[in-house]
Amino acid sequence: MLISTAYAQAAADAGQAATQGGLITYLPIILMFVALWLLMIRPQMKRAKEHKTMLDALSKGDEIVTGGGIAGKVAEVGENFVQIEIAANTVVAVQKQTIATVLPKGTLKAI
């Protein structure tokens, strides 16, 4: 015959090789998780913390823009909702989480 017979290696050698290669096998997965955390999860957590700080510092008279694009002046701040004056004698209630940004004072007069 042209094909030679293959023999199994000793059981002790095979078990030892599998143990040493185990950590190396999981190394790419561990590195991908670390890269995912550094590039995606950590910046998102930082943005969420900054947004929460902005909402906690919100006070009457601040000029804001909501996520839907409504610009107005804060008339009253509640625990979950904010009353926004969008025009003379027109007040709208929006959830605090929908506030996207706080504008510098006087921005609404320029619009």
Protein backbone atom coordinates (compact mmCIF):
# COMPACT_ATOMS: atom_id res chain seq x y z
CA MET A 1 0.00 0.00 0.00
CA LEU A 2 1.03 3.58 -0.57
CA ILE A 3 -0.51 5.05 2.60
CA SER A 4 1.28 4.32 5.85
CA THR A 5 -0.55 3.48 9.03
CA ALA A 6 -1.08 6.39 11.47
CA TYR A 7 -0.50 5.74 15.15
CA ALA A 8 -1.95 7.77 18.03
CA GLN A 9 0.43 9.65 20.29
CA ALA A 10 0.71 8.83 23.93
CA ALA A 11 -2.30 10.01 26.00
CA ALA A 12 -0.14 12.02 28.42
CA ASP A 13 1.37 14.10 25.61
CA ALA A 14 -2.04 14.89 24.07
CA GLY A 15 -3.55 16.02 27.39
CA GLN A 16 -0.63 18.29 28.17
CA ALA A 17 -0.73 19.92 24.72
CA ALA A 18 -4.48 20.61 25.03
CA THR A 19 -3.98 22.37 28.38
CA GLN A 20 -1.27 24.66 27.05
CA GLY A 21 -3.25 25.58 23.94
CA GLY A 22 -6.47 26.36 25.87
CA LEU A 23 -5.56 29.88 26.94
CA ILE A 24 -4.12 30.73 23.55
CA THR A 25 -7.38 29.58 21.96
CA TYR A 26 -9.44 32.10 24.00
CA LEU A 27 -6.96 34.98 23.66
CA PRO A 28 -8.51 36.45 20.46
CA ILE A 29 -11.98 36.45 22.04
CA ILE A 30 -10.64 38.18 25.15
CA LEU A 31 -8.84 40.78 23.04
CA MET A 32 -11.98 41.43 20.98
CA PHE A 33 -14.01 41.99 24.16
CA VAL A 34 -11.41 44.43 25.51
CA ALA A 35 -11.40 46.34 22.20
CA LEU A 36 -15.21 46.42 22.17
CA TRP A 37 -15.27 47.80 25.70
CA LEU A 38 -12.65 50.48 24.95
CA LEU A 39 -14.14 51.59 21.63
CA MET A 40 -17.91 51.30 22.23
CA ILE A 41 -19.06 50.67 25.79
CA ARG A 42 -16.81 53.08 27.68
CA PRO A 43 -17.54 56.15 25.49
CA GLN A 44 -21.28 55.42 25.67
CA MET A 45 -21.11 55.26 29.47
CA LYS A 46 -19.24 58.58 29.50
CA ARG A 47 -21.89 60.21 27.27
CA ALA A 48 -24.70 58.88 29.46
CA LYS A 49 -23.00 60.27 32.58
CA GLU A 50 -22.57 63.71 30.95
CA HIS A 51 -26.25 63.71 29.86
CA LYS A 52 -27.40 62.82 33.39
CA THR A 53 -25.24 65.62 34.84
CA MET A 54 -26.75 68.08 32.33
CA LEU A 55 -30.29 67.04 33.28
CA ASP A 56 -29.56 67.31 37.00
CA ALA A 57 -28.20 70.86 36.52
CA LEU A 58 -31.28 71.96 34.54
CA SER A 59 -33.03 74.98 36.05
CA LYS A 60 -35.77 77.48 35.27
CA GLY A 61 -34.76 79.93 32.55
CA ASP A 62 -32.36 77.60 30.70
CA GLU A 63 -32.73 77.50 26.94
CA ILE A 64 -32.87 73.95 25.58
CA VAL A 65 -33.43 71.83 22.48
CA THR A 66 -35.25 68.51 22.71
CA GLY A 67 -34.44 65.38 20.75
CA GLY A 68 -37.39 66.16 18.47
CA GLY A 69 -35.97 69.59 17.62
CA ILE A 70 -38.22 71.76 19.78
CA ALA A 71 -36.37 74.79 21.14
CA GLY A 72 -37.66 76.64 24.15
CA LYS A 73 -37.08 78.10 27.59
CA VAL A 74 -37.54 76.00 30.73
CA ALA A 75 -40.56 77.25 32.70
CA GLU A 76 -40.66 74.58 35.39
CA VAL A 77 -38.55 71.53 36.26
CA GLY A 78 -40.21 68.45 37.74
CA GLU A 79 -38.85 65.05 38.68
CA ASN A 80 -39.60 63.36 35.33
CA PHE A 81 -41.06 66.16 33.20
CA VAL A 82 -40.02 69.68 32.24
CA GLN A 83 -42.40 72.49 31.24
CA ILE A 84 -40.98 74.33 28.22
CA GLU A 85 -42.21 77.68 26.95
CA ILE A 86 -41.90 77.43 23.17
CA ALA A 87 -43.75 80.69 22.38
CA ALA A 88 -45.51 83.46 24.29
CA ASN A 89 -48.15 81.81 26.55
CA THR A 90 -47.46 78.36 25.02
CA VAL A 91 -46.08 75.81 27.45
CA VAL A 92 -45.35 72.18 26.56
CA ALA A 93 -44.48 69.33 28.92
CA VAL A 94 -41.69 67.00 27.79
CA GLN A 95 -39.81 64.19 29.50
CA LYS A 96 -36.43 65.14 30.90
CA GLN A 97 -34.67 62.36 28.98
CA THR A 98 -35.71 63.90 25.64
CA ILE A 99 -33.68 67.06 26.25
CA ALA A 100 -30.71 66.89 23.90
CA THR A 101 -28.75 70.01 24.76
CA VAL A 102 -28.72 73.20 26.79
CA LEU A 103 -28.14 76.29 24.67
CA PRO A 104 -26.16 79.36 25.73
CA LYS A 105 -28.30 82.20 27.14
CA GLY A 106 -29.76 84.47 24.46
CA THR A 107 -29.70 81.90 21.66
CA LEU A 108 -33.49 81.80 21.30
CA LYS A 109 -33.68 85.57 20.73
CA ALA A 110 -31.36 85.17 17.73
CA ILE A 111 -33.63 82.55 16.12
